[in-house]
Amino acid sequence: MRQTIRSWRLHLRSAKTLDDLARMFNPILRGWVQYYGQYYKSAWYPTFQVLDRILVKWAMRKYKKLKGHQRRATHWLGRIARRQPRLFVHWQMGVRPAAGR
């Protein structure tokens, strides 16, 4: 599954918004969670951390103020996850990137 997430090449889709990415990939993520996550949900955490790291790379490419600032981008994504916890499936489960200031 991590390989599949990497193959989506999200970090290169800087023309898309975060809402667009969520709309595109949430159905796939939701299906995986429903099928594989029935009994052992904590096994998903590393997979979703990979997705969050890729979203951080996406943010660093999309926004000039985040370019070259991985920690700043991680905090930015954490603030979005806190503000809109229903945007991505794994954020609804409580798996979120580091919270911002």
PDB file of N, CA and C in Angstrom:
ATOM      1  N   MET A   1       0.822  -1.195   0.000  1.00  0.00           N
ATOM      2  CA  MET A   1       0.000   0.000   0.000  1.00  0.00           C
ATOM      3  C   MET A   1       0.859   1.249   0.000  1.00  0.00           C
ATOM      4  N   ARG A   2       1.967   1.202   0.719  1.00  0.00           N
ATOM      5  CA  ARG A   2       2.856   2.359   0.708  1.00  0.00           C
ATOM      6  C   ARG A   2       3.409   2.590  -0.690  1.00  0.00           C
ATOM      7  N   GLN A   3       3.718   1.494  -1.367  1.00  0.00           N
ATOM      8  CA  GLN A   3       4.210   1.609  -2.737  1.00  0.00           C
ATOM      9  C   GLN A   3       3.164   2.256  -3.644  1.00  0.00           C
ATOM     10  N   THR A   4       1.923   1.879  -3.438  1.00  0.00           N
ATOM     11  CA  THR A   4       0.838   2.462  -4.228  1.00  0.00           C
ATOM     12  C   THR A   4       0.711   3.956  -3.936  1.00  0.00           C
ATOM     13  N   ILE A   5       0.801   4.320  -2.665  1.00  0.00           N
ATOM     14  CA  ILE A   5       0.717   5.738  -2.289  1.00  0.00           C
ATOM     15  C   ILE A   5       1.858   6.510  -2.933  1.00  0.00           C
ATOM     16  N   ARG A   6       3.063   5.938  -2.902  1.00  0.00           N
ATOM     17  CA  ARG A   6       4.200   6.606  -3.536  1.00  0.00           C
ATOM     18  C   ARG A   6       4.005   6.722  -5.045  1.00  0.00           C
ATOM     19  N   SER A   7       3.382   5.694  -5.651  1.00  0.00           N
ATOM     20  CA  SER A   7       3.204   5.707  -7.109  1.00  0.00           C
ATOM     21  C   SER A   7       2.211   6.792  -7.558  1.00  0.00           C
ATOM     22  N   TRP A   8       1.381   7.290  -6.653  1.00  0.00           N
ATOM     23  CA  TRP A   8       0.458   8.365  -6.994  1.00  0.00           C
ATOM     24  C   TRP A   8       1.201   9.668  -7.288  1.00  0.00           C
ATOM     25  N   ARG A   9       2.421   9.785  -6.746  1.00  0.00           N
ATOM     26  CA  ARG A   9       3.266  10.964  -6.974  1.00  0.00           C
ATOM     27  C   ARG A   9       2.532  12.258  -6.611  1.00  0.00           C
ATOM     28  N   LEU A  10       1.946  12.243  -5.430  1.00  0.00           N
ATOM     29  CA  LEU A  10       1.182  13.404  -4.959  1.00  0.00           C
ATOM     30  C   LEU A  10       2.025  14.671  -4.906  1.00  0.00           C
ATOM     31  N   HIS A  11       3.279  14.528  -4.506  1.00  0.00           N
ATOM     32  CA  HIS A  11       4.108  15.712  -4.326  1.00  0.00           C
ATOM     33  C   HIS A  11       4.354  16.454  -5.631  1.00  0.00           C
ATOM     34  N   LEU A  12       4.072  15.821  -6.775  1.00  0.00           N
ATOM     35  CA  LEU A  12       4.246  16.480  -8.062  1.00  0.00           C
ATOM     36  C   LEU A  12       2.966  17.118  -8.583  1.00  0.00           C
ATOM     37  N   ARG A  13       1.893  16.994  -7.846  1.00  0.00           N
ATOM     38  CA  ARG A  13       0.598  17.550  -8.278  1.00  0.00           C
ATOM     39  C   ARG A  13       0.356  18.909  -7.627  1.00  0.00           C
ATOM     40  N   SER A  14       1.284  19.815  -7.801  1.00  0.00           N
ATOM     41  CA  SER A  14       1.179  21.110  -7.123  1.00  0.00           C
ATOM     42  C   SER A  14       0.086  22.000  -7.712  1.00  0.00           C
ATOM     43  N   ALA A  15      -0.458  21.624  -8.853  1.00  0.00           N
ATOM     44  CA  ALA A  15      -1.553  22.407  -9.420  1.00  0.00           C
ATOM     45  C   ALA A  15      -2.876  22.111  -8.706  1.00  0.00           C
ATOM     46  N   LYS A  16      -2.952  21.012  -7.987  1.00  0.00           N
ATOM     47  CA  LYS A  16      -4.174  20.622  -7.273  1.00  0.00           C
ATOM     48  C   LYS A  16      -4.201  21.263  -5.887  1.00  0.00           C
ATOM     49  N   THR A  17      -5.401  21.441  -5.359  1.00  0.00           N
ATOM     50  CA  THR A  17      -5.543  21.917  -3.984  1.00  0.00           C
ATOM     51  C   THR A  17      -5.596  20.714  -3.052  1.00  0.00           C
ATOM     52  N   LEU A  18      -5.520  20.981  -1.775  1.00  0.00           N
ATOM     53  CA  LEU A  18      -5.591  19.902  -0.791  1.00  0.00           C
ATOM     54  C   LEU A  18      -6.960  19.229  -0.837  1.00  0.00           C
ATOM     55  N   ASP A  19      -7.998  20.010  -1.076  1.00  0.00           N
ATOM     56  CA  ASP A  19      -9.345  19.444  -1.222  1.00  0.00           C
ATOM     57  C   ASP A  19      -9.429  18.513  -2.428  1.00  0.00           C
ATOM     58  N   ASP A  20      -8.789  18.910  -3.530  1.00  0.00           N
ATOM     59  CA  ASP A  20      -8.776  18.062  -4.723  1.00  0.00           C
ATOM     60  C   ASP A  20      -8.090  16.731  -4.440  1.00  0.00           C
ATOM     61  N   LEU A  21      -6.954  16.796  -3.754  1.00  0.00           N
ATOM     62  CA  LEU A  21      -6.226  15.564  -3.429  1.00  0.00           C
ATOM     63  C   LEU A  21      -7.070  14.659  -2.530  1.00  0.00           C
ATOM     64  N   ALA A  22      -7.734  15.261  -1.564  1.00  0.00           N
ATOM     65  CA  ALA A  22      -8.587  14.475  -0.669  1.00  0.00           C
ATOM     66  C   ALA A  22      -9.726  13.832  -1.440  1.00  0.00           C
ATOM     67  N   ARG A  23     -10.328  14.595  -2.344  1.00  0.00           N
ATOM     68  CA  ARG A  23     -11.429  14.058  -3.150  1.00  0.00           C
ATOM     69  C   ARG A  23     -10.955  12.918  -4.051  1.00  0.00           C
ATOM     70  N   MET A  24      -9.735  13.027  -4.571  1.00  0.00           N
ATOM     71  CA  MET A  24      -9.217  12.018  -5.488  1.00  0.00           C
ATOM     72  C   MET A  24      -8.861  10.708  -4.776  1.00  0.00           C
ATOM     73  N   PHE A  25      -8.270  10.807  -3.595  1.00  0.00           N
ATOM     74  CA  PHE A  25      -7.676   9.625  -2.984  1.00  0.00           C
ATOM     75  C   PHE A  25      -8.410   9.091  -1.759  1.00  0.00           C
ATOM     76  N   ASN A  26      -9.338   9.849  -1.197  1.00  0.00           N
ATOM     77  CA  ASN A  26     -10.088   9.354  -0.040  1.00  0.00           C
ATOM     78  C   ASN A  26     -10.884   8.080  -0.321  1.00  0.00           C
ATOM     79  N   PRO A  27     -11.532   7.934  -1.479  1.00  0.00           N
ATOM     80  CA  PRO A  27     -12.267   6.682  -1.702  1.00  0.00           C
ATOM     81  C   PRO A  27     -11.364   5.445  -1.655  1.00  0.00           C
ATOM     82  N   ILE A  28     -10.167   5.568  -2.187  1.00  0.00           N
ATOM     83  CA  ILE A  28      -9.230   4.444  -2.160  1.00  0.00           C
ATOM     84  C   ILE A  28      -8.784   4.173  -0.724  1.00  0.00           C
ATOM     85  N   LEU A  29      -8.407   5.234  -0.012  1.00  0.00           N
ATOM     86  CA  LEU A  29      -7.966   5.079   1.380  1.00  0.00           C
ATOM     87  C   LEU A  29      -9.084   4.510   2.252  1.00  0.00           C
ATOM     88  N   ARG A  30     -10.289   4.996   2.044  1.00  0.00           N
ATOM     89  CA  ARG A  30     -11.428   4.522   2.829  1.00  0.00           C
ATOM     90  C   ARG A  30     -11.658   3.018   2.583  1.00  0.00           C
ATOM     91  N   GLY A  31     -11.551   2.606   1.326  1.00  0.00           N
ATOM     92  CA  GLY A  31     -11.703   1.189   1.010  1.00  0.00           C
ATOM     93  C   GLY A  31     -10.648   0.338   1.676  1.00  0.00           C
ATOM     94  N   TRP A  32      -9.407   0.807   1.685  1.00  0.00           N
ATOM     95  CA  TRP A  32      -8.342   0.061   2.340  1.00  0.00           C
ATOM     96  C   TRP A  32      -8.598  -0.053   3.839  1.00  0.00           C
ATOM     97  N   VAL A  33      -9.015   1.056   4.431  1.00  0.00           N
ATOM     98  CA  VAL A  33      -9.264   1.048   5.877  1.00  0.00           C
ATOM     99  C   VAL A  33     -10.407   0.095   6.213  1.00  0.00           C
ATOM    100  N   GLN A  34     -11.450   0.109   5.411  1.00  0.00           N
ATOM    101  CA  GLN A  34     -12.587  -0.770   5.690  1.00  0.00           C
ATOM    102  C   GLN A  34     -12.230  -2.236   5.482  1.00  0.00           C
ATOM    103  N   TYR A  35     -11.415  -2.517   4.484  1.00  0.00           N
ATOM    104  CA  TYR A  35     -11.101  -3.908   4.180  1.00  0.00           C
ATOM    105  C   TYR A  35     -10.005  -4.466   5.089  1.00  0.00           C
ATOM    106  N   TYR A  36      -8.883  -3.736   5.196  1.00  0.00           N
ATOM    107  CA  TYR A  36      -7.735  -4.247   5.947  1.00  0.00           C
ATOM    108  C   TYR A  36      -7.730  -3.819   7.404  1.00  0.00           C
ATOM    109  N   GLY A  37      -8.379  -2.720   7.717  1.00  0.00           N
ATOM    110  CA  GLY A  37      -8.280  -2.164   9.058  1.00  0.00           C
ATOM    111  C   GLY A  37      -9.338  -2.656  10.026  1.00  0.00           C
ATOM    112  N   GLN A  38      -9.941  -3.751   9.734  1.00  0.00           N
ATOM    113  CA  GLN A  38     -11.026  -4.269  10.561  1.00  0.00           C
ATOM    114  C   GLN A  38     -10.574  -4.578  11.995  1.00  0.00           C
ATOM    115  N   TYR A  39      -9.367  -5.157  12.137  1.00  0.00           N
ATOM    116  CA  TYR A  39      -8.976  -5.672  13.448  1.00  0.00           C
ATOM    117  C   TYR A  39      -7.732  -5.013  14.034  1.00  0.00           C
ATOM    118  N   TYR A  40      -6.860  -4.484  13.206  1.00  0.00           N
ATOM    119  CA  TYR A  40      -5.555  -4.036  13.704  1.00  0.00           C
ATOM    120  C   TYR A  40      -5.262  -2.640  13.165  1.00  0.00           C
ATOM    121  N   LYS A  41      -5.976  -1.657  13.690  1.00  0.00           N
ATOM    122  CA  LYS A  41      -5.899  -0.303  13.156  1.00  0.00           C
ATOM    123  C   LYS A  41      -4.541   0.363  13.365  1.00  0.00           C
ATOM    124  N   SER A  42      -3.852   0.023  14.436  1.00  0.00           N
ATOM    125  CA  SER A  42      -2.571   0.683  14.697  1.00  0.00           C
ATOM    126  C   SER A  42      -1.511   0.291  13.670  1.00  0.00           C
ATOM    127  N   ALA A  43      -1.737  -0.772  12.922  1.00  0.00           N
ATOM    128  CA  ALA A  43      -0.800  -1.136  11.856  1.00  0.00           C
ATOM    129  C   ALA A  43      -0.848  -0.125  10.711  1.00  0.00           C
ATOM    130  N   TRP A  44      -1.892   0.684  10.653  1.00  0.00           N
ATOM    131  CA  TRP A  44      -2.036   1.693   9.612  1.00  0.00           C
ATOM    132  C   TRP A  44      -1.171   2.913   9.862  1.00  0.00           C
ATOM    133  N   TYR A  45      -0.783   3.165  11.093  1.00  0.00           N
ATOM    134  CA  TYR A  45      -0.095   4.405  11.424  1.00  0.00           C
ATOM    135  C   TYR A  45       1.137   4.660  10.561  1.00  0.00           C
ATOM    136  N   PRO A  46       2.048   3.690  10.383  1.00  0.00           N
ATOM    137  CA  PRO A  46       3.210   3.970   9.523  1.00  0.00           C
ATOM    138  C   PRO A  46       2.813   4.290   8.080  1.00  0.00           C
ATOM    139  N   THR A  47       1.796   3.631   7.572  1.00  0.00           N
ATOM    140  CA  THR A  47       1.341   3.894   6.210  1.00  0.00           C
ATOM    141  C   THR A  47       0.802   5.309   6.082  1.00  0.00           C
ATOM    142  N   PHE A  48       0.028   5.736   7.059  1.00  0.00           N
ATOM    143  CA  PHE A  48      -0.525   7.079   7.005  1.00  0.00           C
ATOM    144  C   PHE A  48       0.536   8.138   7.274  1.00  0.00           C
ATOM    145  N   GLN A  49       1.574   7.792   8.014  1.00  0.00           N
ATOM    146  CA  GLN A  49       2.670   8.733   8.211  1.00  0.00           C
ATOM    147  C   GLN A  49       3.406   8.977   6.901  1.00  0.00           C
ATOM    148  N   VAL A  50       3.524   7.921   6.075  1.00  0.00           N
ATOM    149  CA  VAL A  50       4.115   8.082   4.742  1.00  0.00           C
ATOM    150  C   VAL A  50       3.267   9.055   3.922  1.00  0.00           C
ATOM    151  N   LEU A  51       1.957   8.885   3.978  1.00  0.00           N
ATOM    152  CA  LEU A  51       1.060   9.780   3.243  1.00  0.00           C
ATOM    153  C   LEU A  51       1.214  11.223   3.726  1.00  0.00           C
ATOM    154  N   ASP A  52       1.318  11.416   5.039  1.00  0.00           N
ATOM    155  CA  ASP A  52       1.493  12.771   5.570  1.00  0.00           C
ATOM    156  C   ASP A  52       2.826  13.376   5.133  1.00  0.00           C
ATOM    157  N   ARG A  53       3.879  12.559   5.108  1.00  0.00           N
ATOM    158  CA  ARG A  53       5.177  13.067   4.642  1.00  0.00           C
ATOM    159  C   ARG A  53       5.098  13.501   3.182  1.00  0.00           C
ATOM    160  N   ILE A  54       4.371  12.741   2.377  1.00  0.00           N
ATOM    161  CA  ILE A  54       4.218  13.097   0.971  1.00  0.00           C
ATOM    162  C   ILE A  54       3.386  14.377   0.834  1.00  0.00           C
ATOM    163  N   LEU A  55       2.374  14.534   1.689  1.00  0.00           N
ATOM    164  CA  LEU A  55       1.585  15.775   1.669  1.00  0.00           C
ATOM    165  C   LEU A  55       2.438  16.973   2.082  1.00  0.00           C
ATOM    166  N   VAL A  56       3.372  16.761   2.994  1.00  0.00           N
ATOM    167  CA  VAL A  56       4.293  17.833   3.385  1.00  0.00           C
ATOM    168  C   VAL A  56       5.164  18.217   2.189  1.00  0.00           C
ATOM    169  N   LYS A  57       5.663  17.227   1.454  1.00  0.00           N
ATOM    170  CA  LYS A  57       6.455  17.517   0.255  1.00  0.00           C
ATOM    171  C   LYS A  57       5.623  18.283  -0.769  1.00  0.00           C
ATOM    172  N   TRP A  58       4.346  17.891  -0.890  1.00  0.00           N
ATOM    173  CA  TRP A  58       3.444  18.591  -1.804  1.00  0.00           C
ATOM    174  C   TRP A  58       3.320  20.062  -1.401  1.00  0.00           C
ATOM    175  N   ALA A  59       3.125  20.314  -0.115  1.00  0.00           N
ATOM    176  CA  ALA A  59       2.960  21.688   0.378  1.00  0.00           C
ATOM    177  C   ALA A  59       4.232  22.495   0.152  1.00  0.00           C
ATOM    178  N   MET A  60       5.390  21.857   0.312  1.00  0.00           N
ATOM    179  CA  MET A  60       6.648  22.565   0.105  1.00  0.00           C
ATOM    180  C   MET A  60       6.830  22.956  -1.362  1.00  0.00           C
ATOM    181  N   ARG A  61       6.298  22.178  -2.278  1.00  0.00           N
ATOM    182  CA  ARG A  61       6.389  22.516  -3.698  1.00  0.00           C
ATOM    183  C   ARG A  61       5.337  23.546  -4.104  1.00  0.00           C
ATOM    184  N   LYS A  62       4.176  23.491  -3.457  1.00  0.00           N
ATOM    185  CA  LYS A  62       3.065  24.362  -3.864  1.00  0.00           C
ATOM    186  C   LYS A  62       3.206  25.793  -3.339  1.00  0.00           C
ATOM    187  N   TYR A  63       3.650  25.938  -2.099  1.00  0.00           N
ATOM    188  CA  TYR A  63       3.664  27.252  -1.456  1.00  0.00           C
ATOM    189  C   TYR A  63       5.091  27.750  -1.248  1.00  0.00           C
ATOM    190  N   LYS A  64       5.349  28.960  -1.731  1.00  0.00           N
ATOM    191  CA  LYS A  64       6.698  29.522  -1.650  1.00  0.00           C
ATOM    192  C   LYS A  64       7.181  29.678  -0.211  1.00  0.00           C
ATOM    193  N   LYS A  65       6.285  30.051   0.678  1.00  0.00           N
ATOM    194  CA  LYS A  65       6.710  30.301   2.062  1.00  0.00           C
ATOM    195  C   LYS A  65       7.126  29.010   2.772  1.00  0.00           C
ATOM    196  N   LEU A  66       6.738  27.861   2.227  1.00  0.00           N
ATOM    197  CA  LEU A  66       7.097  26.577   2.837  1.00  0.00           C
ATOM    198  C   LEU A  66       8.272  25.906   2.132  1.00  0.00           C
ATOM    199  N   LYS A  67       8.684  26.440   1.007  1.00  0.00           N
ATOM    200  CA  LYS A  67       9.750  25.824   0.215  1.00  0.00           C
ATOM    201  C   LYS A  67      11.042  25.760   1.036  1.00  0.00           C
ATOM    202  N   GLY A  68      11.567  24.572   1.184  1.00  0.00           N
ATOM    203  CA  GLY A  68      12.809  24.386   1.923  1.00  0.00           C
ATOM    204  C   GLY A  68      12.633  24.352   3.429  1.00  0.00           C
ATOM    205  N   HIS A  69      11.405  24.376   3.915  1.00  0.00           N
ATOM    206  CA  HIS A  69      11.141  24.390   5.359  1.00  0.00           C
ATOM    207  C   HIS A  69      10.228  23.219   5.715  1.00  0.00           C
ATOM    208  N   GLN A  70      10.829  22.055   5.904  1.00  0.00           N
ATOM    209  CA  GLN A  70      10.029  20.866   6.156  1.00  0.00           C
ATOM    210  C   GLN A  70       9.272  20.956   7.480  1.00  0.00           C
ATOM    211  N   ARG A  71       9.909  21.468   8.499  1.00  0.00           N
ATOM    212  CA  ARG A  71       9.233  21.575   9.796  1.00  0.00           C
ATOM    213  C   ARG A  71       8.058  22.540   9.715  1.00  0.00           C
ATOM    214  N   ARG A  72       8.261  23.665   9.047  1.00  0.00           N
ATOM    215  CA  ARG A  72       7.188  24.644   8.882  1.00  0.00           C
ATOM    216  C   ARG A  72       6.026  24.043   8.097  1.00  0.00           C
ATOM    217  N   ALA A  73       6.343  23.265   7.061  1.00  0.00           N
ATOM    218  CA  ALA A  73       5.305  22.621   6.256  1.00  0.00           C
ATOM    219  C   ALA A  73       4.558  21.565   7.072  1.00  0.00           C
ATOM    220  N   THR A  74       5.278  20.849   7.928  1.00  0.00           N
ATOM    221  CA  THR A  74       4.643  19.834   8.781  1.00  0.00           C
ATOM    222  C   THR A  74       3.684  20.496   9.761  1.00  0.00           C
ATOM    223  N   HIS A  75       4.109  21.604  10.346  1.00  0.00           N
ATOM    224  CA  HIS A  75       3.229  22.329  11.271  1.00  0.00           C
ATOM    225  C   HIS A  75       2.025  22.911  10.537  1.00  0.00           C
ATOM    226  N   TRP A  76       2.242  23.395   9.329  1.00  0.00           N
ATOM    227  CA  TRP A  76       1.141  23.918   8.516  1.00  0.00           C
ATOM    228  C   TRP A  76       0.105  22.831   8.260  1.00  0.00           C
ATOM    229  N   LEU A  77       0.582  21.643   7.865  1.00  0.00           N
ATOM    230  CA  LEU A  77      -0.333  20.532   7.617  1.00  0.00           C
ATOM    231  C   LEU A  77      -1.035  20.097   8.904  1.00  0.00           C
ATOM    232  N   GLY A  78      -0.327  20.142  10.018  1.00  0.00           N
ATOM    233  CA  GLY A  78      -0.936  19.806  11.307  1.00  0.00           C
ATOM    234  C   GLY A  78      -2.052  20.758  11.688  1.00  0.00           C
ATOM    235  N   ARG A  79      -1.842  22.047  11.400  1.00  0.00           N
ATOM    236  CA  ARG A  79      -2.890  23.031  11.693  1.00  0.00           C
ATOM    237  C   ARG A  79      -4.121  22.789  10.826  1.00  0.00           C
ATOM    238  N   ILE A  80      -3.890  22.434   9.568  1.00  0.00           N
ATOM    239  CA  ILE A  80      -5.027  22.126   8.675  1.00  0.00           C
ATOM    240  C   ILE A  80      -5.757  20.886   9.188  1.00  0.00           C
ATOM    241  N   ALA A  81      -4.996  19.882   9.619  1.00  0.00           N
ATOM    242  CA  ALA A  81      -5.610  18.643  10.120  1.00  0.00           C
ATOM    243  C   ALA A  81      -6.441  18.913  11.368  1.00  0.00           C
ATOM    244  N   ARG A  82      -5.988  19.852  12.188  1.00  0.00           N
ATOM    245  CA  ARG A  82      -6.757  20.194  13.389  1.00  0.00           C
ATOM    246  C   ARG A  82      -8.010  20.985  13.028  1.00  0.00           C
ATOM    247  N   ARG A  83      -7.888  21.865  12.029  1.00  0.00           N
ATOM    248  CA  ARG A  83      -9.012  22.695  11.612  1.00  0.00           C
ATOM    249  C   ARG A  83     -10.056  21.915  10.825  1.00  0.00           C
ATOM    250  N   GLN A  84      -9.594  20.989   9.971  1.00  0.00           N
ATOM    251  CA  GLN A  84     -10.490  20.214   9.112  1.00  0.00           C
ATOM    252  C   GLN A  84     -10.218  18.717   9.291  1.00  0.00           C
ATOM    253  N   PRO A  85     -10.573  18.158  10.420  1.00  0.00           N
ATOM    254  CA  PRO A  85     -10.224  16.755  10.693  1.00  0.00           C
ATOM    255  C   PRO A  85     -10.942  15.750   9.798  1.00  0.00           C
ATOM    256  N   ARG A  86     -11.937  16.178   9.068  1.00  0.00           N
ATOM    257  CA  ARG A  86     -12.670  15.240   8.217  1.00  0.00           C
ATOM    258  C   ARG A  86     -12.191  15.265   6.765  1.00  0.00           C
ATOM    259  N   LEU A  87     -11.117  16.006   6.500  1.00  0.00           N
ATOM    260  CA  LEU A  87     -10.637  16.143   5.126  1.00  0.00           C
ATOM    261  C   LEU A  87     -10.079  14.833   4.581  1.00  0.00           C
ATOM    262  N   PHE A  88      -9.228  14.174   5.330  1.00  0.00           N
ATOM    263  CA  PHE A  88      -8.661  12.885   4.920  1.00  0.00           C
ATOM    264  C   PHE A  88      -9.144  11.794   5.865  1.00  0.00           C
ATOM    265  N   VAL A  89      -9.227  10.588   5.349  1.00  0.00           N
ATOM    266  CA  VAL A  89      -9.753   9.457   6.126  1.00  0.00           C
ATOM    267  C   VAL A  89      -8.914   9.211   7.379  1.00  0.00           C
ATOM    268  N   HIS A  90      -7.603   9.240   7.239  1.00  0.00           N
ATOM    269  CA  HIS A  90      -6.758   8.931   8.402  1.00  0.00           C
ATOM    270  C   HIS A  90      -6.808  10.041   9.441  1.00  0.00           C
ATOM    271  N   TRP A  91      -7.105  11.261   9.040  1.00  0.00           N
ATOM    272  CA  TRP A  91      -7.270  12.322  10.024  1.00  0.00           C
ATOM    273  C   TRP A  91      -8.534  12.093  10.835  1.00  0.00           C
ATOM    274  N   GLN A  92      -9.550  11.522  10.226  1.00  0.00           N
ATOM    275  CA  GLN A  92     -10.787  11.198  10.950  1.00  0.00           C
ATOM    276  C   GLN A  92     -10.533  10.134  12.006  1.00  0.00           C
ATOM    277  N   MET A  93      -9.573   9.241  11.719  1.00  0.00           N
ATOM    278  CA  MET A  93      -9.241   8.167  12.660  1.00  0.00           C
ATOM    279  C   MET A  93      -8.373   8.676  13.806  1.00  0.00           C
ATOM    280  N   GLY A  94      -7.878   9.907  13.693  1.00  0.00           N
ATOM    281  CA  GLY A  94      -7.039  10.457  14.749  1.00  0.00           C
ATOM    282  C   GLY A  94      -5.559  10.425  14.429  1.00  0.00           C
ATOM    283  N   VAL A  95      -5.174   9.935  13.268  1.00  0.00           N
ATOM    284  CA  VAL A  95      -3.771   9.902  12.858  1.00  0.00           C
ATOM    285  C   VAL A  95      -3.504  11.187  12.108  1.00  0.00           C
ATOM    286  N   ARG A  96      -2.825  12.118  12.763  1.00  0.00           N
ATOM    287  CA  ARG A  96      -2.592  13.431  12.169  1.00  0.00           C
ATOM    288  C   ARG A  96      -1.127  13.803  12.244  1.00  0.00           C
ATOM    289  N   PRO A  97      -0.690  14.692  11.358  1.00  0.00           N
ATOM    290  CA  PRO A  97       0.699  15.180  11.442  1.00  0.00           C
ATOM    291  C   PRO A  97       0.872  16.048  12.683  1.00  0.00           C
ATOM    292  N   ALA A  98       2.110  16.421  12.951  1.00  0.00           N
ATOM    293  CA  ALA A  98       2.424  17.226  14.136  1.00  0.00           C
ATOM    294  C   ALA A  98       1.610  18.512  14.138  1.00  0.00           C
ATOM    295  N   ALA A  99       1.073  18.859  15.287  1.00  0.00           N
ATOM    296  CA  ALA A  99       0.262  20.078  15.403  1.00  0.00           C
ATOM    297  C   ALA A  99       1.179  21.305  15.366  1.00  0.00           C
ATOM    298  N   GLY A 100       0.669  22.348  14.805  1.00  0.00           N
ATOM    299  CA  GLY A 100       1.431  23.591  14.687  1.00  0.00           C
ATOM    300  C   GLY A 100       1.416  24.411  15.948  1.00  0.00           C
ATOM    301  N   ARG A 101       2.091  25.513  15.878  1.00  0.00           N
ATOM    302  CA  ARG A 101       2.230  26.422  17.029  1.00  0.00           C
ATOM    303  C   ARG A 101       0.939  26.845  17.622  1.00  0.00           C
TER     304      ARG A 101
END
